[in-house]
PDB file of all heavy atoms in Angstrom:
ATOM      1  N   LEU A   1      69.133 -54.099  17.093  1.00  0.00           N
ATOM      2  CA  LEU A   1      70.205 -54.377  18.053  1.00  0.00           C
ATOM      3  C   LEU A   1      69.770 -55.416  19.082  1.00  0.00           C
ATOM      4  O   LEU A   1      70.556 -56.302  19.449  1.00  0.00           O
ATOM      5  CB  LEU A   1      70.604 -53.088  18.773  1.00  0.00           C
ATOM      6  CG  LEU A   1      71.404 -52.074  17.948  1.00  0.00           C
ATOM      7  CD1 LEU A   1      71.444 -50.725  18.672  1.00  0.00           C
ATOM      8  CD2 LEU A   1      72.818 -52.582  17.708  1.00  0.00           C
ATOM      9  N   LYS A   2      68.527 -55.340  19.501  1.00  0.00           N
ATOM     10  CA  LYS A   2      68.027 -56.223  20.563  1.00  0.00           C
ATOM     11  C   LYS A   2      67.690 -57.615  20.044  1.00  0.00           C
ATOM     12  O   LYS A   2      67.839 -58.612  20.771  1.00  0.00           O
ATOM     13  CB  LYS A   2      66.793 -55.597  21.216  1.00  0.00           C
ATOM     14  CG  LYS A   2      66.246 -56.373  22.411  1.00  0.00           C
ATOM     15  CD  LYS A   2      65.086 -55.641  23.061  1.00  0.00           C
ATOM     16  CE  LYS A   2      64.496 -56.426  24.224  1.00  0.00           C
ATOM     17  NZ  LYS A   2      65.459 -56.631  25.313  1.00  0.00           N
ATOM     18  N   TYR A   3      67.259 -57.714  18.789  1.00  0.00           N
ATOM     19  CA  TYR A   3      66.816 -59.001  18.249  1.00  0.00           C
ATOM     20  C   TYR A   3      67.624 -59.353  16.989  1.00  0.00           C
ATOM     21  O   TYR A   3      67.145 -59.173  15.859  1.00  0.00           O
ATOM     22  CB  TYR A   3      65.325 -58.942  17.919  1.00  0.00           C
ATOM     23  CG  TYR A   3      64.463 -58.567  19.103  1.00  0.00           C
ATOM     24  CD1 TYR A   3      63.906 -57.293  19.203  1.00  0.00           C
ATOM     25  CD2 TYR A   3      64.211 -59.485  20.121  1.00  0.00           C
ATOM     26  CE1 TYR A   3      63.113 -56.946  20.291  1.00  0.00           C
ATOM     27  CE2 TYR A   3      63.420 -59.150  21.217  1.00  0.00           C
ATOM     28  CZ  TYR A   3      62.876 -57.875  21.288  1.00  0.00           C
ATOM     29  OH  TYR A   3      62.098 -57.545  22.364  1.00  0.00           O
ATOM     30  N   PRO A   4      68.825 -59.871  17.148  1.00  0.00           N
ATOM     31  CA  PRO A   4      69.681 -60.165  15.998  1.00  0.00           C
ATOM     32  C   PRO A   4      69.170 -61.289  15.104  1.00  0.00           C
ATOM     33  O   PRO A   4      69.626 -61.417  13.961  1.00  0.00           O
ATOM     34  CB  PRO A   4      71.014 -60.559  16.653  1.00  0.00           C
ATOM     35  CG  PRO A   4      70.638 -61.021  18.036  1.00  0.00           C
ATOM     36  CD  PRO A   4      69.482 -60.166  18.430  1.00  0.00           C
ATOM     37  N   ASN A   5      68.226 -62.090  15.589  1.00  0.00           N
ATOM     38  CA  ASN A   5      67.689 -63.186  14.777  1.00  0.00           C
ATOM     39  C   ASN A   5      66.417 -62.813  14.026  1.00  0.00           C
ATOM     40  O   ASN A   5      65.695 -63.674  13.530  1.00  0.00           O
ATOM     41  CB  ASN A   5      67.431 -64.398  15.668  1.00  0.00           C
ATOM     42  CG  ASN A   5      68.718 -65.002  16.220  1.00  0.00           C
ATOM     43  OD1 ASN A   5      69.738 -65.011  15.539  1.00  0.00           O
ATOM     44  ND2 ASN A   5      68.678 -65.463  17.453  1.00  0.00           N
ATOM     45  N   ILE A   6      66.149 -61.507  13.960  1.00  0.00           N
ATOM     46  CA  ILE A   6      65.034 -60.994  13.173  1.00  0.00           C
ATOM     47  C   ILE A   6      65.594 -59.981  12.188  1.00  0.00           C
ATOM     48  O   ILE A   6      66.460 -59.176  12.540  1.00  0.00           O
ATOM     49  CB  ILE A   6      63.957 -60.331  14.054  1.00  0.00           C
ATOM     50  CG1 ILE A   6      63.328 -61.364  14.992  1.00  0.00           C
ATOM     51  CG2 ILE A   6      62.875 -59.675  13.202  1.00  0.00           C
ATOM     52  CD1 ILE A   6      62.355 -60.775  15.998  1.00  0.00           C
ATOM     53  N   ASN A   7      65.123 -60.022  10.946  1.00  0.00           N
ATOM     54  CA  ASN A   7      65.556 -59.055   9.937  1.00  0.00           C
ATOM     55  C   ASN A   7      64.585 -57.873   9.933  1.00  0.00           C
ATOM     56  O   ASN A   7      63.380 -58.055   9.818  1.00  0.00           O
ATOM     57  CB  ASN A   7      65.569 -59.700   8.549  1.00  0.00           C
ATOM     58  CG  ASN A   7      66.560 -60.851   8.466  1.00  0.00           C
ATOM     59  OD1 ASN A   7      67.658 -60.771   9.018  1.00  0.00           O
ATOM     60  ND2 ASN A   7      66.184 -61.910   7.772  1.00  0.00           N
ATOM     61  N   PHE A   8      65.137 -56.667  10.035  1.00  0.00           N
ATOM     62  CA  PHE A   8      64.328 -55.450  10.100  1.00  0.00           C
ATOM     63  C   PHE A   8      64.553 -54.589   8.862  1.00  0.00           C
ATOM     64  O   PHE A   8      65.685 -54.430   8.400  1.00  0.00           O
ATOM     65  CB  PHE A   8      64.659 -54.642  11.348  1.00  0.00           C
ATOM     66  CG  PHE A   8      64.237 -55.309  12.630  1.00  0.00           C
ATOM     67  CD1 PHE A   8      65.113 -56.141  13.318  1.00  0.00           C
ATOM     68  CD2 PHE A   8      62.960 -55.110  13.142  1.00  0.00           C
ATOM     69  CE1 PHE A   8      64.725 -56.765  14.501  1.00  0.00           C
ATOM     70  CE2 PHE A   8      62.560 -55.738  14.315  1.00  0.00           C
ATOM     71  CZ  PHE A   8      63.443 -56.557  14.996  1.00  0.00           C
ATOM     72  N   ILE A   9      63.446 -54.031   8.368  1.00  0.00           N
ATOM     73  CA  ILE A   9      63.520 -53.120   7.228  1.00  0.00           C
ATOM     74  C   ILE A   9      62.740 -51.852   7.585  1.00  0.00           C
ATOM     75  O   ILE A   9      61.542 -51.912   7.878  1.00  0.00           O
ATOM     76  CB  ILE A   9      62.936 -53.746   5.954  1.00  0.00           C
ATOM     77  CG1 ILE A   9      63.705 -55.020   5.583  1.00  0.00           C
ATOM     78  CG2 ILE A   9      62.984 -52.745   4.797  1.00  0.00           C
ATOM     79  CD1 ILE A   9      63.115 -55.771   4.396  1.00  0.00           C
ATOM     80  N   GLY A  10      63.433 -50.714   7.549  1.00  0.00           N
ATOM     81  CA  GLY A  10      62.794 -49.430   7.817  1.00  0.00           C
ATOM     82  C   GLY A  10      62.480 -48.721   6.510  1.00  0.00           C
ATOM     83  O   GLY A  10      63.333 -48.672   5.613  1.00  0.00           O
ATOM     84  N   ILE A  11      61.274 -48.195   6.409  1.00  0.00           N
ATOM     85  CA  ILE A  11      60.822 -47.543   5.177  1.00  0.00           C
ATOM     86  C   ILE A  11      60.439 -46.096   5.462  1.00  0.00           C
ATOM     87  O   ILE A  11      59.647 -45.825   6.372  1.00  0.00           O
ATOM     88  CB  ILE A  11      59.626 -48.296   4.574  1.00  0.00           C
ATOM     89  CG1 ILE A  11      60.030 -49.741   4.251  1.00  0.00           C
ATOM     90  CG2 ILE A  11      59.118 -47.593   3.315  1.00  0.00           C
ATOM     91  CD1 ILE A  11      58.858 -50.636   3.884  1.00  0.00           C
ATOM     92  N   GLU A  12      60.979 -45.186   4.685  1.00  0.00           N
ATOM     93  CA  GLU A  12      60.700 -43.755   4.856  1.00  0.00           C
ATOM     94  C   GLU A  12      60.834 -43.069   3.496  1.00  0.00           C
ATOM     95  O   GLU A  12      61.719 -43.433   2.708  1.00  0.00           O
ATOM     96  CB  GLU A  12      61.675 -43.143   5.870  1.00  0.00           C
ATOM     97  CG  GLU A  12      61.523 -41.669   6.101  1.00  0.00           C
ATOM     98  CD  GLU A  12      60.146 -41.297   6.610  1.00  0.00           C
ATOM     99  OE1 GLU A  12      59.721 -41.820   7.652  1.00  0.00           O
ATOM    100  OE2 GLU A  12      59.492 -40.463   5.941  1.00  0.00           O
ATOM    101  N   LYS A  13      59.989 -42.080   3.213  1.00  0.00           N
ATOM    102  CA  LYS A  13      59.996 -41.478   1.885  1.00  0.00           C
ATOM    103  C   LYS A  13      60.732 -40.135   1.794  1.00  0.00           C
ATOM    104  O   LYS A  13      60.955 -39.625   0.701  1.00  0.00           O
ATOM    105  CB  LYS A  13      58.573 -41.303   1.364  1.00  0.00           C
ATOM    106  CG  LYS A  13      57.728 -40.302   2.110  1.00  0.00           C
ATOM    107  CD  LYS A  13      56.353 -40.191   1.458  1.00  0.00           C
ATOM    108  CE  LYS A  13      55.464 -39.183   2.190  1.00  0.00           C
ATOM    109  NZ  LYS A  13      54.136 -39.064   1.523  1.00  0.00           N
ATOM    110  N   PHE A  14      61.101 -39.557   2.936  1.00  0.00           N
ATOM    111  CA  PHE A  14      61.751 -38.256   2.909  1.00  0.00           C
ATOM    112  C   PHE A  14      63.269 -38.388   3.065  1.00  0.00           C
ATOM    113  O   PHE A  14      63.757 -38.980   4.037  1.00  0.00           O
ATOM    114  CB  PHE A  14      61.193 -37.348   4.007  1.00  0.00           C
ATOM    115  CG  PHE A  14      59.731 -37.040   3.843  1.00  0.00           C
ATOM    116  CD1 PHE A  14      58.795 -37.596   4.703  1.00  0.00           C
ATOM    117  CD2 PHE A  14      59.290 -36.216   2.817  1.00  0.00           C
ATOM    118  CE1 PHE A  14      57.451 -37.318   4.561  1.00  0.00           C
ATOM    119  CE2 PHE A  14      57.944 -35.927   2.664  1.00  0.00           C
ATOM    120  CZ  PHE A  14      57.020 -36.477   3.527  1.00  0.00           C
ATOM    121  N   ASP A  15      64.020 -37.815   2.128  1.00  0.00           N
ATOM    122  CA  ASP A  15      65.470 -37.956   2.111  1.00  0.00           C
ATOM    123  C   ASP A  15      66.128 -37.474   3.403  1.00  0.00           C
ATOM    124  O   ASP A  15      67.024 -38.138   3.939  1.00  0.00           O
ATOM    125  CB  ASP A  15      66.064 -37.166   0.935  1.00  0.00           C
ATOM    126  CG  ASP A  15      65.786 -37.822  -0.402  1.00  0.00           C
ATOM    127  OD1 ASP A  15      65.247 -38.946  -0.414  1.00  0.00           O
ATOM    128  OD2 ASP A  15      66.106 -37.215  -1.439  1.00  0.00           O
ATOM    129  N   SER A  16      65.718 -36.309   3.898  1.00  0.00           N
ATOM    130  CA  SER A  16      66.358 -35.756   5.089  1.00  0.00           C
ATOM    131  C   SER A  16      66.151 -36.647   6.311  1.00  0.00           C
ATOM    132  O   SER A  16      67.058 -36.810   7.133  1.00  0.00           O
ATOM    133  CB  SER A  16      65.825 -34.348   5.371  1.00  0.00           C
ATOM    134  OG  SER A  16      66.321 -33.425   4.421  1.00  0.00           O
ATOM    135  N   ILE A  17      64.966 -37.238   6.430  1.00  0.00           N
ATOM    136  CA  ILE A  17      64.692 -38.119   7.557  1.00  0.00           C
ATOM    137  C   ILE A  17      65.482 -39.423   7.417  1.00  0.00           C
ATOM    138  O   ILE A  17      66.025 -39.949   8.395  1.00  0.00           O
ATOM    139  CB  ILE A  17      63.191 -38.403   7.677  1.00  0.00           C
ATOM    140  CG1 ILE A  17      62.439 -37.090   7.924  1.00  0.00           C
ATOM    141  CG2 ILE A  17      62.909 -39.382   8.812  1.00  0.00           C
ATOM    142  CD1 ILE A  17      60.938 -37.244   8.037  1.00  0.00           C
ATOM    143  N   VAL A  18      65.564 -39.941   6.197  1.00  0.00           N
ATOM    144  CA  VAL A  18      66.368 -41.138   5.946  1.00  0.00           C
ATOM    145  C   VAL A  18      67.817 -40.880   6.343  1.00  0.00           C
ATOM    146  O   VAL A  18      68.465 -41.709   6.988  1.00  0.00           O
ATOM    147  CB  VAL A  18      66.270 -41.557   4.464  1.00  0.00           C
ATOM    148  CG1 VAL A  18      67.306 -42.640   4.152  1.00  0.00           C
ATOM    149  CG2 VAL A  18      64.878 -42.067   4.148  1.00  0.00           C
ATOM    150  N   ALA A  19      68.336 -39.722   5.959  1.00  0.00           N
ATOM    151  CA  ALA A  19      69.727 -39.385   6.271  1.00  0.00           C
ATOM    152  C   ALA A  19      69.957 -39.328   7.783  1.00  0.00           C
ATOM    153  O   ALA A  19      70.984 -39.800   8.280  1.00  0.00           O
ATOM    154  CB  ALA A  19      70.093 -38.050   5.624  1.00  0.00           C
ATOM    155  N   LYS A  20      69.004 -38.768   8.505  1.00  0.00           N
ATOM    156  CA  LYS A  20      69.141 -38.694   9.966  1.00  0.00           C
ATOM    157  C   LYS A  20      69.180 -40.090  10.580  1.00  0.00           C
ATOM    158  O   LYS A  20      69.918 -40.344  11.531  1.00  0.00           O
ATOM    159  CB  LYS A  20      67.991 -37.881  10.560  1.00  0.00           C
ATOM    160  CG  LYS A  20      68.061 -36.391  10.264  1.00  0.00           C
ATOM    161  CD  LYS A  20      66.890 -35.645  10.879  1.00  0.00           C
ATOM    162  CE  LYS A  20      66.979 -34.154  10.587  1.00  0.00           C
ATOM    163  NZ  LYS A  20      65.842 -33.409  11.174  1.00  0.00           N
ATOM    164  N   CYS A  21      68.371 -40.982  10.036  1.00  0.00           N
ATOM    165  CA  CYS A  21      68.365 -42.357  10.522  1.00  0.00           C
ATOM    166  C   CYS A  21      69.700 -43.043  10.230  1.00  0.00           C
ATOM    167  O   CYS A  21      70.292 -43.676  11.113  1.00  0.00           O
ATOM    168  CB  CYS A  21      67.224 -43.128   9.870  1.00  0.00           C
ATOM    169  SG  CYS A  21      67.253 -44.915  10.191  1.00  0.00           S
ATOM    170  N   LEU A  22      70.185 -42.903   9.014  1.00  0.00           N
ATOM    171  CA  LEU A  22      71.411 -43.581   8.601  1.00  0.00           C
ATOM    172  C   LEU A  22      72.598 -43.169   9.461  1.00  0.00           C
ATOM    173  O   LEU A  22      73.479 -43.979   9.763  1.00  0.00           O
ATOM    174  CB  LEU A  22      71.702 -43.291   7.138  1.00  0.00           C
ATOM    175  CG  LEU A  22      70.714 -43.874   6.119  1.00  0.00           C
ATOM    176  CD1 LEU A  22      71.020 -43.341   4.718  1.00  0.00           C
ATOM    177  CD2 LEU A  22      70.744 -45.394   6.131  1.00  0.00           C
ATOM    178  N   LYS A  23      72.619 -41.930   9.896  1.00  0.00           N
ATOM    179  CA  LYS A  23      73.720 -41.424  10.725  1.00  0.00           C
ATOM    180  C   LYS A  23      73.745 -42.089  12.095  1.00  0.00           C
ATOM    181  O   LYS A  23      74.780 -42.123  12.756  1.00  0.00           O
ATOM    182  CB  LYS A  23      73.603 -39.906  10.885  1.00  0.00           C
ATOM    183  CG  LYS A  23      73.900 -39.127   9.606  1.00  0.00           C
ATOM    184  CD  LYS A  23      73.548 -37.662   9.761  1.00  0.00           C
ATOM    185  CE  LYS A  23      74.374 -36.982  10.816  1.00  0.00           C
ATOM    186  NZ  LYS A  23      74.081 -35.517  10.908  1.00  0.00           N
ATOM    187  N   LYS A  24      72.612 -42.636  12.528  1.00  0.00           N
ATOM    188  CA  LYS A  24      72.512 -43.235  13.858  1.00  0.00           C
ATOM    189  C   LYS A  24      72.907 -44.709  13.895  1.00  0.00           C
ATOM    190  O   LYS A  24      73.150 -45.257  14.967  1.00  0.00           O
ATOM    191  CB  LYS A  24      71.068 -43.120  14.374  1.00  0.00           C
ATOM    192  CG  LYS A  24      70.585 -41.714  14.615  1.00  0.00           C
ATOM    193  CD  LYS A  24      69.151 -41.766  15.137  1.00  0.00           C
ATOM    194  CE  LYS A  24      68.597 -40.385  15.403  1.00  0.00           C
ATOM    195  NZ  LYS A  24      67.206 -40.453  15.918  1.00  0.00           N
ATOM    196  N   ILE A  25      72.926 -45.360  12.751  1.00  0.00           N
ATOM    197  CA  ILE A  25      73.119 -46.810  12.732  1.00  0.00           C
ATOM    198  C   ILE A  25      74.581 -47.176  13.001  1.00  0.00           C
ATOM    199  O   ILE A  25      75.477 -46.701  12.304  1.00  0.00           O
ATOM    200  CB  ILE A  25      72.686 -47.409  11.378  1.00  0.00           C
ATOM    201  CG1 ILE A  25      71.235 -47.023  11.064  1.00  0.00           C
ATOM    202  CG2 ILE A  25      72.823 -48.931  11.407  1.00  0.00           C
ATOM    203  CD1 ILE A  25      70.768 -47.475   9.689  1.00  0.00           C
ATOM    204  N   PRO A  26      74.828 -48.022  13.996  1.00  0.00           N
ATOM    205  CA  PRO A  26      76.212 -48.437  14.271  1.00  0.00           C
ATOM    206  C   PRO A  26      76.710 -49.406  13.215  1.00  0.00           C
ATOM    207  O   PRO A  26      75.924 -50.042  12.502  1.00  0.00           O
ATOM    208  CB  PRO A  26      76.095 -49.109  15.635  1.00  0.00           C
ATOM    209  CG  PRO A  26      74.689 -49.623  15.690  1.00  0.00           C
ATOM    210  CD  PRO A  26      73.857 -48.607  14.950  1.00  0.00           C
ATOM    211  N   ASP A  27      78.019 -49.529  13.129  1.00  0.00           N
ATOM    212  CA  ASP A  27      78.622 -50.463  12.171  1.00  0.00           C
ATOM    213  C   ASP A  27      78.322 -51.914  12.561  1.00  0.00           C
ATOM    214  O   ASP A  27      78.174 -52.240  13.740  1.00  0.00           O
ATOM    215  CB  ASP A  27      80.138 -50.259  12.121  1.00  0.00           C
ATOM    216  CG  ASP A  27      80.520 -48.908  11.537  1.00  0.00           C
ATOM    217  OD1 ASP A  27      79.719 -48.351  10.773  1.00  0.00           O
ATOM    218  OD2 ASP A  27      81.622 -48.414  11.869  1.00  0.00           O
ATOM    219  N   GLY A  28      78.235 -52.773  11.552  1.00  0.00           N
ATOM    220  CA  GLY A  28      78.126 -54.214  11.799  1.00  0.00           C
ATOM    221  C   GLY A  28      76.747 -54.709  12.133  1.00  0.00           C
ATOM    222  O   GLY A  28      76.609 -55.816  12.655  1.00  0.00           O
ATOM    223  N   LEU A  29      75.710 -53.940  11.815  1.00  0.00           N
ATOM    224  CA  LEU A  29      74.336 -54.376  12.104  1.00  0.00           C
ATOM    225  C   LEU A  29      73.790 -55.083  10.857  1.00  0.00           C
ATOM    226  O   LEU A  29      73.212 -54.461   9.959  1.00  0.00           O
ATOM    227  CB  LEU A  29      73.475 -53.166  12.485  1.00  0.00           C
ATOM    228  CG  LEU A  29      72.190 -53.426  13.277  1.00  0.00           C
ATOM    229  CD1 LEU A  29      72.473 -54.241  14.522  1.00  0.00           C
ATOM    230  CD2 LEU A  29      71.530 -52.112  13.648  1.00  0.00           C
TER     231      LEU A  29
END
């Protein structure tokens, strides 16, 4: 959100933690 000119990739191996992250992401990022 703070740095729109940088591409970010988050990596996580646990499904439940990934799901918690995905629920937080706003639209249009």
